[in-house]
């Protein structure tokens, strides 16, 4: 409405007032308040956008500096992996670390359990006795026994001294 009046569109201005049944004094004051409020909101949002853009810039700079220095976020492994333990004929379903020595056990869909040396990455021993997928494996607290559960509905306890 103000646009029509300022740009000397008097006929359009007057026609609009009549058609919309506008009380020019009250409605003009309301419109000015609304416009002021909107512009204040726009200015506040613009400040927030600037703050967020500065944060993004700082995060990118930190990330770039970290990458240049070879930094790694805490808790994430570095590339490449130390060993790729390959040997199962099917997907690995469970892994358990030995509580005392650098060794781990892996169970697979191929019904086998493999014991791995964590220092060399070599397969030390393969335990066969289940006829279906290995569902769970766990060492006892002394590391002398390994328990395994399978989809064949059996639980086996393996003595690690004799592998039986």
N, C-alpha and C. Protein backbone atom coordinates (compact mmCIF):
# COMPACT_ATOMS: atom_id res chain seq x y z
N UNK A 1 0.82 -1.18 0.00
CA UNK A 1 0.00 0.00 0.00
C UNK A 1 0.87 1.25 0.00
N UNK A 2 1.87 1.23 0.86
CA UNK A 2 2.79 2.36 0.90
C UNK A 2 3.52 2.52 -0.42
N UNK A 3 3.84 1.39 -1.05
CA UNK A 3 4.51 1.42 -2.35
C UNK A 3 3.68 2.19 -3.37
N UNK A 4 2.38 1.90 -3.41
CA UNK A 4 1.49 2.58 -4.36
C UNK A 4 1.46 4.08 -4.09
N UNK A 5 1.41 4.44 -2.82
CA UNK A 5 1.32 5.85 -2.46
C UNK A 5 2.62 6.59 -2.79
N UNK A 6 3.76 6.02 -2.42
CA UNK A 6 5.06 6.67 -2.64
C UNK A 6 5.37 6.81 -4.11
N UNK A 7 4.97 5.85 -4.92
CA UNK A 7 5.29 5.89 -6.35
C UNK A 7 4.20 6.58 -7.18
N UNK A 8 3.35 7.33 -6.51
CA UNK A 8 2.36 8.19 -7.15
C UNK A 8 1.35 7.42 -7.99
N UNK A 9 0.94 6.25 -7.47
CA UNK A 9 -0.15 5.49 -8.10
C UNK A 9 -1.42 5.76 -7.28
N UNK A 10 -1.86 7.01 -7.28
CA UNK A 10 -2.97 7.45 -6.43
C UNK A 10 -4.27 6.70 -6.74
N UNK A 11 -4.56 6.50 -8.01
CA UNK A 11 -5.81 5.82 -8.36
C UNK A 11 -5.80 4.38 -7.84
N UNK A 12 -4.69 3.68 -8.05
CA UNK A 12 -4.58 2.31 -7.57
C UNK A 12 -4.62 2.27 -6.05
N UNK A 13 -3.97 3.27 -5.41
CA UNK A 13 -3.95 3.36 -3.95
C UNK A 13 -5.36 3.52 -3.41
N UNK A 14 -6.10 4.45 -3.96
CA UNK A 14 -7.46 4.71 -3.50
C UNK A 14 -8.38 3.52 -3.79
N UNK A 15 -8.23 2.89 -4.95
CA UNK A 15 -9.06 1.74 -5.29
C UNK A 15 -8.78 0.58 -4.33
N UNK A 16 -7.52 0.38 -4.00
CA UNK A 16 -7.15 -0.70 -3.09
C UNK A 16 -7.75 -0.47 -1.70
N UNK A 17 -7.71 0.78 -1.22
CA UNK A 17 -8.26 1.12 0.09
C UNK A 17 -9.77 0.84 0.12
N UNK A 18 -10.44 1.23 -0.95
CA UNK A 18 -11.89 1.02 -1.00
C UNK A 18 -12.22 -0.47 -1.08
N UNK A 19 -11.55 -1.21 -1.97
CA UNK A 19 -11.83 -2.64 -2.16
C UNK A 19 -11.52 -3.45 -0.90
N UNK A 20 -10.42 -3.12 -0.23
CA UNK A 20 -10.00 -3.90 0.93
C UNK A 20 -10.62 -3.38 2.22
N UNK A 21 -11.36 -2.31 2.14
CA UNK A 21 -11.99 -1.69 3.31
C UNK A 21 -10.97 -1.42 4.39
N UNK A 22 -9.92 -0.71 4.03
CA UNK A 22 -8.81 -0.43 4.93
C UNK A 22 -9.02 0.93 5.59
N UNK A 23 -8.84 0.97 6.92
CA UNK A 23 -8.81 2.22 7.65
C UNK A 23 -7.36 2.67 7.61
N UNK A 24 -7.06 3.68 6.82
CA UNK A 24 -5.67 4.01 6.49
C UNK A 24 -4.84 4.38 7.69
N UNK A 25 -5.36 5.06 8.67
CA UNK A 25 -4.53 5.48 9.80
C UNK A 25 -4.15 4.28 10.67
N UNK A 26 -5.14 3.46 11.05
CA UNK A 26 -4.86 2.30 11.89
C UNK A 26 -4.00 1.28 11.17
N UNK A 27 -4.40 0.93 9.96
CA UNK A 27 -3.71 -0.13 9.21
C UNK A 27 -2.31 0.27 8.81
N UNK A 28 -2.10 1.56 8.53
CA UNK A 28 -0.76 2.01 8.18
C UNK A 28 0.17 1.86 9.38
N UNK A 29 -0.31 2.19 10.56
CA UNK A 29 0.50 2.04 11.78
C UNK A 29 0.81 0.56 12.03
N UNK A 30 -0.19 -0.30 11.84
CA UNK A 30 0.02 -1.74 12.01
C UNK A 30 1.06 -2.25 11.01
N UNK A 31 0.91 -1.81 9.77
CA UNK A 31 1.85 -2.26 8.73
C UNK A 31 3.27 -1.83 9.05
N UNK A 32 3.42 -0.59 9.54
CA UNK A 32 4.77 -0.13 9.86
C UNK A 32 5.36 -0.97 10.99
N UNK A 33 4.56 -1.28 11.99
CA UNK A 33 5.04 -2.13 13.09
C UNK A 33 5.41 -3.52 12.59
N UNK A 34 4.59 -4.06 11.73
CA UNK A 34 4.87 -5.39 11.19
C UNK A 34 6.16 -5.36 10.38
N UNK A 35 6.34 -4.35 9.53
CA UNK A 35 7.55 -4.25 8.73
C UNK A 35 8.79 -4.07 9.61
N UNK A 36 8.66 -3.24 10.64
CA UNK A 36 9.79 -3.05 11.56
C UNK A 36 10.17 -4.37 12.21
N UNK A 37 9.18 -5.10 12.68
CA UNK A 37 9.41 -6.39 13.33
C UNK A 37 10.07 -7.37 12.37
N UNK A 38 9.57 -7.40 11.15
CA UNK A 38 10.14 -8.31 10.15
C UNK A 38 11.60 -7.97 9.87
N UNK A 39 11.90 -6.69 9.71
CA UNK A 39 13.28 -6.29 9.41
C UNK A 39 14.20 -6.59 10.58
N UNK A 40 13.70 -6.42 11.80
CA UNK A 40 14.52 -6.76 12.97
C UNK A 40 14.80 -8.26 12.98
N UNK A 41 13.79 -9.05 12.64
CA UNK A 41 13.97 -10.51 12.57
C UNK A 41 14.98 -10.89 11.50
N UNK A 42 14.90 -10.23 10.36
CA UNK A 42 15.84 -10.51 9.27
C UNK A 42 17.26 -10.17 9.71
N UNK A 43 17.43 -9.03 10.39
CA UNK A 43 18.77 -8.64 10.86
C UNK A 43 19.30 -9.64 11.88
N UNK A 44 18.44 -10.09 12.80
CA UNK A 44 18.86 -11.08 13.80
C UNK A 44 19.26 -12.40 13.14
N UNK A 45 18.47 -12.84 12.18
CA UNK A 45 18.80 -14.08 11.47
C UNK A 45 20.10 -13.95 10.68
N UNK A 46 20.32 -12.79 10.10
CA UNK A 46 21.57 -12.56 9.35
C UNK A 46 22.77 -12.66 10.29
N UNK A 47 22.66 -12.10 11.51
CA UNK A 47 23.76 -12.22 12.48
C UNK A 47 24.00 -13.68 12.85
N UNK A 48 22.92 -14.44 13.04
CA UNK A 48 23.06 -15.86 13.36
C UNK A 48 23.72 -16.62 12.22
N UNK A 49 23.36 -16.32 11.00
CA UNK A 49 23.98 -16.96 9.84
C UNK A 49 25.46 -16.65 9.81
N UNK A 50 25.84 -15.40 10.08
CA UNK A 50 27.26 -15.02 10.08
C UNK A 50 28.03 -15.78 11.15
N UNK A 51 27.44 -15.92 12.34
CA UNK A 51 28.09 -16.67 13.42
C UNK A 51 28.29 -18.12 13.01
N UNK A 52 27.26 -18.73 12.42
CA UNK A 52 27.37 -20.13 12.00
C UNK A 52 28.38 -20.31 10.87
N UNK A 53 28.43 -19.36 9.95
CA UNK A 53 29.42 -19.44 8.87
C UNK A 53 30.83 -19.33 9.42
N UNK A 54 31.03 -18.48 10.45
CA UNK A 54 32.35 -18.39 11.09
C UNK A 54 32.72 -19.70 11.77
N UNK A 55 31.75 -20.35 12.42
CA UNK A 55 32.01 -21.64 13.07
C UNK A 55 32.41 -22.69 12.03
N UNK A 56 31.69 -22.72 10.94
CA UNK A 56 32.01 -23.68 9.87
C UNK A 56 33.42 -23.44 9.35
N UNK A 57 33.76 -22.18 9.16
CA UNK A 57 35.10 -21.84 8.67
C UNK A 57 36.17 -22.32 9.65
N UNK A 58 35.95 -22.08 10.96
CA UNK A 58 36.92 -22.54 11.97
C UNK A 58 37.05 -24.05 11.98
N UNK A 59 35.91 -24.77 11.88
CA UNK A 59 35.95 -26.23 11.87
C UNK A 59 36.69 -26.75 10.65
N UNK A 60 36.47 -26.11 9.51
CA UNK A 60 37.18 -26.54 8.29
C UNK A 60 38.67 -26.31 8.43
N UNK A 61 39.05 -25.16 8.99
CA UNK A 61 40.48 -24.87 9.18
C UNK A 61 41.11 -25.87 10.13
N UNK A 62 40.40 -26.20 11.23
CA UNK A 62 40.92 -27.20 12.17
C UNK A 62 41.07 -28.55 11.50
N UNK A 63 40.08 -28.93 10.70
CA UNK A 63 40.11 -30.20 10.01
C UNK A 63 41.26 -30.25 9.01
N UNK A 64 41.45 -29.15 8.26
CA UNK A 64 42.55 -29.09 7.29
C UNK A 64 43.89 -29.16 8.00
N UNK A 65 44.03 -28.42 9.11
CA UNK A 65 45.29 -28.44 9.86
C UNK A 65 45.55 -29.84 10.41
N UNK A 66 44.52 -30.48 10.88
CA UNK A 66 44.64 -31.83 11.42
C UNK A 66 45.09 -32.80 10.34
N UNK A 67 44.52 -32.66 9.14
CA UNK A 67 44.88 -33.54 8.02
C UNK A 67 46.32 -33.30 7.59
N UNK A 68 46.74 -32.04 7.55
CA UNK A 68 48.11 -31.71 7.13
C UNK A 68 49.12 -32.27 8.12
N UNK A 69 48.81 -32.16 9.41
CA UNK A 69 49.73 -32.63 10.45
C UNK A 69 49.65 -34.14 10.65
N UNK A 70 48.78 -34.79 9.93
CA UNK A 70 48.63 -36.24 10.07
C UNK A 70 47.87 -36.60 11.33
N UNK A 71 47.14 -35.64 11.86
CA UNK A 71 46.38 -35.87 13.09
C UNK A 71 45.22 -36.82 12.84
N UNK A 72 44.81 -37.43 13.89
CA UNK A 72 43.71 -38.39 13.82
C UNK A 72 42.78 -38.08 14.97
N UNK A 73 41.50 -38.14 14.74
CA UNK A 73 40.55 -37.94 15.83
C UNK A 73 40.70 -39.12 16.79
N UNK A 74 40.59 -38.80 18.07
CA UNK A 74 40.77 -39.82 19.10
C UNK A 74 39.75 -40.94 18.93
N UNK A 75 40.21 -42.17 19.06
CA UNK A 75 39.31 -43.31 19.00
C UNK A 75 39.14 -43.90 17.61
N UNK A 76 39.62 -43.23 16.60
CA UNK A 76 39.48 -43.75 15.24
C UNK A 76 40.78 -44.42 14.82
N UNK A 77 40.70 -45.59 14.21
CA UNK A 77 41.93 -46.26 13.78
C UNK A 77 42.56 -45.55 12.59
N UNK A 78 43.86 -45.68 12.50
CA UNK A 78 44.59 -45.08 11.38
C UNK A 78 44.64 -46.05 10.22
N UNK A 79 44.68 -45.51 9.03
CA UNK A 79 44.80 -46.33 7.83
C UNK A 79 46.27 -46.56 7.55
N UNK A 80 46.71 -47.60 6.98
CA UNK A 80 45.95 -48.81 6.69
C UNK A 80 45.86 -49.68 7.93
N UNK A 81 45.05 -50.73 7.85
CA UNK A 81 44.91 -51.64 8.99
C UNK A 81 46.23 -52.36 9.23
N UNK A 82 46.42 -52.81 10.44
CA UNK A 82 47.67 -53.50 10.79
C UNK A 82 47.74 -54.86 10.09
N UNK A 83 46.67 -55.63 10.15
CA UNK A 83 46.59 -56.92 9.49
C UNK A 83 45.20 -57.10 8.91
N UNK A 84 45.14 -57.85 7.84
CA UNK A 84 43.86 -58.31 7.33
C UNK A 84 43.84 -59.81 7.56
N UNK A 85 43.00 -60.23 8.48
CA UNK A 85 42.96 -61.64 8.88
C UNK A 85 41.97 -62.37 7.98
N UNK A 86 42.49 -63.01 6.98
CA UNK A 86 41.66 -63.73 6.01
C UNK A 86 41.91 -65.22 6.14
N UNK A 87 40.85 -65.99 6.06
CA UNK A 87 41.01 -67.44 6.14
C UNK A 87 39.69 -68.17 6.27
N UNK A 88 38.67 -67.51 6.75
CA UNK A 88 37.36 -68.16 6.83
C UNK A 88 36.79 -68.28 5.42
N UNK A 89 36.00 -69.33 5.23
CA UNK A 89 35.39 -69.55 3.92
C UNK A 89 34.05 -68.83 3.77
N UNK A 90 33.57 -68.27 4.89
CA UNK A 90 32.30 -67.57 4.89
C UNK A 90 32.42 -66.36 5.80
N UNK A 91 31.34 -65.62 5.94
CA UNK A 91 31.38 -64.38 6.71
C UNK A 91 31.68 -64.63 8.17
N UNK A 92 32.48 -63.72 8.76
CA UNK A 92 32.83 -63.78 10.18
C UNK A 92 31.65 -63.24 10.98
N UNK A 93 31.23 -63.98 12.00
CA UNK A 93 30.07 -63.57 12.79
C UNK A 93 30.44 -63.06 14.17
N UNK A 94 31.53 -63.56 14.75
CA UNK A 94 31.92 -63.16 16.10
C UNK A 94 33.44 -63.08 16.22
N UNK A 95 33.89 -62.16 17.09
CA UNK A 95 35.31 -62.01 17.39
C UNK A 95 35.44 -61.81 18.89
N UNK A 96 36.46 -62.43 19.50
CA UNK A 96 36.72 -62.25 20.93
C UNK A 96 38.23 -62.17 21.15
N UNK A 97 38.68 -61.18 21.94
CA UNK A 97 40.09 -61.04 22.27
C UNK A 97 40.42 -61.86 23.51
N UNK A 98 41.60 -62.50 23.48
CA UNK A 98 42.09 -63.27 24.62
C UNK A 98 42.39 -62.29 25.75
N UNK A 99 42.05 -62.64 27.00
CA UNK A 99 42.26 -61.70 28.10
C UNK A 99 43.70 -61.54 28.56
N UNK A 100 44.59 -62.46 28.18
CA UNK A 100 45.96 -62.43 28.70
C UNK A 100 47.00 -62.18 27.59
N UNK A 101 46.92 -62.92 26.52
CA UNK A 101 47.93 -62.81 25.46
C UNK A 101 47.36 -62.10 24.24
N UNK A 102 48.23 -61.69 23.33
CA UNK A 102 47.79 -61.02 22.10
C UNK A 102 47.29 -62.05 21.10
N UNK A 103 46.06 -62.44 21.30
CA UNK A 103 45.44 -63.47 20.47
C UNK A 103 43.97 -63.13 20.37
N UNK A 104 43.37 -63.50 19.26
CA UNK A 104 41.92 -63.35 19.16
C UNK A 104 41.33 -64.57 18.48
N UNK A 105 40.06 -64.78 18.77
CA UNK A 105 39.33 -65.90 18.18
C UNK A 105 38.24 -65.30 17.30
N UNK A 106 38.00 -65.94 16.15
CA UNK A 106 36.92 -65.49 15.26
C UNK A 106 36.05 -66.69 14.91
N UNK A 107 34.75 -66.46 14.93
CA UNK A 107 33.80 -67.51 14.55
C UNK A 107 33.13 -67.10 13.26
N UNK A 108 32.68 -68.09 12.49
CA UNK A 108 32.21 -67.80 11.15
C UNK A 108 30.96 -68.60 10.80
N UNK A 109 30.33 -68.18 9.69
CA UNK A 109 29.21 -68.94 9.12
C UNK A 109 29.68 -70.30 8.60
N UNK A 110 30.99 -70.45 8.39
CA UNK A 110 31.50 -71.73 7.88
C UNK A 110 31.67 -72.77 9.00
N UNK A 111 31.18 -72.48 10.21
CA UNK A 111 31.17 -73.38 11.37
C UNK A 111 32.55 -73.60 11.97
N UNK A 112 33.53 -72.78 11.61
CA UNK A 112 34.87 -72.94 12.17
C UNK A 112 35.20 -71.77 13.08
N UNK A 113 36.16 -72.02 14.00
CA UNK A 113 36.70 -71.00 14.88
C UNK A 113 38.19 -70.93 14.59
N UNK A 114 38.68 -69.74 14.35
CA UNK A 114 40.11 -69.58 14.09
C UNK A 114 40.73 -68.75 15.20
N UNK A 115 41.92 -69.17 15.63
CA UNK A 115 42.71 -68.42 16.62
C UNK A 115 43.82 -67.71 15.88
N UNK A 116 43.95 -66.42 16.13
CA UNK A 116 44.89 -65.57 15.40
C UNK A 116 45.90 -64.95 16.35
N UNK A 117 47.15 -64.88 15.91
CA UNK A 117 48.20 -64.19 16.65
C UNK A 117 48.11 -62.70 16.27
N UNK A 118 47.86 -61.85 17.26
CA UNK A 118 47.69 -60.41 16.98
C UNK A 118 49.02 -59.73 16.67
N UNK A 119 50.13 -60.32 17.02
CA UNK A 119 51.43 -59.73 16.73
C UNK A 119 51.83 -59.94 15.27
N UNK A 120 51.58 -61.15 14.76
CA UNK A 120 52.01 -61.47 13.40
C UNK A 120 50.87 -61.46 12.39
N UNK A 121 49.63 -61.60 12.87
CA UNK A 121 48.48 -61.68 11.97
C UNK A 121 48.27 -63.06 11.40
N UNK A 122 49.02 -64.05 11.89
CA UNK A 122 48.94 -65.41 11.38
C UNK A 122 47.84 -66.20 12.07
N UNK A 123 47.26 -67.13 11.33
CA UNK A 123 46.26 -68.05 11.88
C UNK A 123 47.01 -69.15 12.62
N UNK A 124 46.87 -69.18 13.96
CA UNK A 124 47.57 -70.18 14.76
C UNK A 124 46.89 -71.54 14.73
N UNK A 125 45.58 -71.54 14.78
CA UNK A 125 44.87 -72.81 14.90
C UNK A 125 43.44 -72.64 14.40
N UNK A 126 42.90 -73.68 13.80
CA UNK A 126 41.50 -73.71 13.39
C UNK A 126 40.80 -74.80 14.17
N UNK A 127 39.72 -74.43 14.86
CA UNK A 127 38.96 -75.38 15.66
C UNK A 127 37.70 -75.76 14.89
N UNK A 128 37.55 -77.07 14.68
CA UNK A 128 36.36 -77.57 13.97
C UNK A 128 35.65 -78.55 14.86
N UNK A 129 34.34 -78.42 14.92
CA UNK A 129 33.56 -79.32 15.76
C UNK A 129 32.07 -78.99 15.65
N UNK A 130 31.78 -77.78 15.27
CA UNK A 130 30.39 -77.38 15.04
C UNK A 130 30.01 -77.72 13.61
N UNK A 131 28.71 -77.86 13.38
CA UNK A 131 28.24 -78.18 12.03
C UNK A 131 27.42 -77.04 11.42
N UNK A 132 27.30 -75.92 12.16
CA UNK A 132 26.54 -74.78 11.65
C UNK A 132 27.21 -73.48 12.11
N UNK A 133 26.65 -72.39 11.71
CA UNK A 133 27.16 -71.04 12.00
C UNK A 133 27.51 -70.88 13.48
N UNK A 134 28.63 -70.19 13.74
CA UNK A 134 29.04 -69.88 15.11
C UNK A 134 28.29 -68.62 15.53
N UNK A 135 27.52 -68.73 16.62
CA UNK A 135 26.74 -67.60 17.10
C UNK A 135 27.47 -66.76 18.15
N UNK A 136 28.30 -67.42 18.97
CA UNK A 136 29.01 -66.67 20.01
C UNK A 136 30.29 -67.41 20.40
N UNK A 137 31.27 -66.60 20.83
CA UNK A 137 32.52 -67.15 21.35
C UNK A 137 32.98 -66.25 22.49
N UNK A 138 33.62 -66.86 23.51
CA UNK A 138 34.11 -66.09 24.64
C UNK A 138 35.20 -66.87 25.35
N UNK A 139 36.23 -66.13 25.82
CA UNK A 139 37.30 -66.72 26.63
C UNK A 139 36.90 -66.59 28.10
N UNK A 140 37.39 -67.54 28.94
CA UNK A 140 37.22 -67.35 30.38
C UNK A 140 38.22 -66.30 30.85
N UNK A 141 38.12 -65.86 32.10
CA UNK A 141 38.95 -64.74 32.56
C UNK A 141 40.44 -65.08 32.62
N UNK A 142 40.80 -66.38 32.80
CA UNK A 142 42.21 -66.78 32.81
C UNK A 142 42.75 -67.01 31.40
N UNK A 143 41.86 -67.15 30.44
CA UNK A 143 42.28 -67.39 29.07
C UNK A 143 42.64 -68.83 28.79
N UNK A 144 42.21 -69.75 29.65
CA UNK A 144 42.55 -71.17 29.46
C UNK A 144 41.46 -71.91 28.69
N UNK A 145 40.25 -71.36 28.66
CA UNK A 145 39.13 -72.01 27.99
C UNK A 145 38.48 -71.05 27.01
N UNK A 146 37.92 -71.64 25.96
CA UNK A 146 37.15 -70.88 24.98
C UNK A 146 35.80 -71.56 24.84
N UNK A 147 34.71 -70.81 25.01
CA UNK A 147 33.37 -71.36 24.84
C UNK A 147 32.82 -70.88 23.51
N UNK A 148 32.12 -71.77 22.82
CA UNK A 148 31.50 -71.39 21.55
C UNK A 148 30.09 -71.95 21.49
N UNK A 149 29.20 -71.13 20.94
CA UNK A 149 27.82 -71.57 20.73
C UNK A 149 27.51 -71.50 19.25
N UNK A 150 26.71 -72.45 18.79
CA UNK A 150 26.47 -72.55 17.36
C UNK A 150 24.99 -72.69 17.05
N UNK A 151 24.66 -72.45 15.81
CA UNK A 151 23.29 -72.64 15.34
C UNK A 151 22.92 -74.13 15.31
N UNK A 152 23.92 -74.99 15.42
CA UNK A 152 23.64 -76.43 15.48
C UNK A 152 23.12 -76.85 16.86
N UNK A 153 22.83 -75.85 17.72
CA UNK A 153 22.24 -76.04 19.04
C UNK A 153 23.22 -76.67 20.04
N UNK A 154 24.51 -76.53 19.79
CA UNK A 154 25.49 -77.08 20.73
C UNK A 154 26.39 -75.96 21.26
N UNK A 155 26.89 -76.20 22.45
CA UNK A 155 27.88 -75.32 23.08
C UNK A 155 29.11 -76.17 23.32
N UNK A 156 30.25 -75.69 22.91
CA UNK A 156 31.49 -76.45 23.10
C UNK A 156 32.44 -75.63 23.97
N UNK A 157 33.15 -76.31 24.85
CA UNK A 157 34.18 -75.71 25.68
C UNK A 157 35.50 -76.28 25.20
N UNK A 158 36.39 -75.41 24.76
CA UNK A 158 37.68 -75.82 24.21
C UNK A 158 38.78 -75.50 25.22
N UNK A 159 39.63 -76.49 25.53
CA UNK A 159 40.82 -76.24 26.34
C UNK A 159 41.90 -75.74 25.38
N UNK A 160 42.41 -74.57 25.68
CA UNK A 160 43.38 -73.98 24.76
C UNK A 160 44.76 -74.64 24.85
N UNK A 161 45.02 -75.40 25.91
CA UNK A 161 46.30 -76.12 26.00
C UNK A 161 46.34 -77.27 25.00
N UNK A 162 45.19 -77.96 24.86
CA UNK A 162 45.15 -79.15 23.99
C UNK A 162 44.29 -78.94 22.76
N UNK A 163 43.56 -77.83 22.70
CA UNK A 163 42.63 -77.51 21.61
C UNK A 163 41.55 -78.57 21.45
N UNK A 164 41.10 -79.13 22.56
CA UNK A 164 40.03 -80.14 22.53
C UNK A 164 38.90 -79.68 23.45
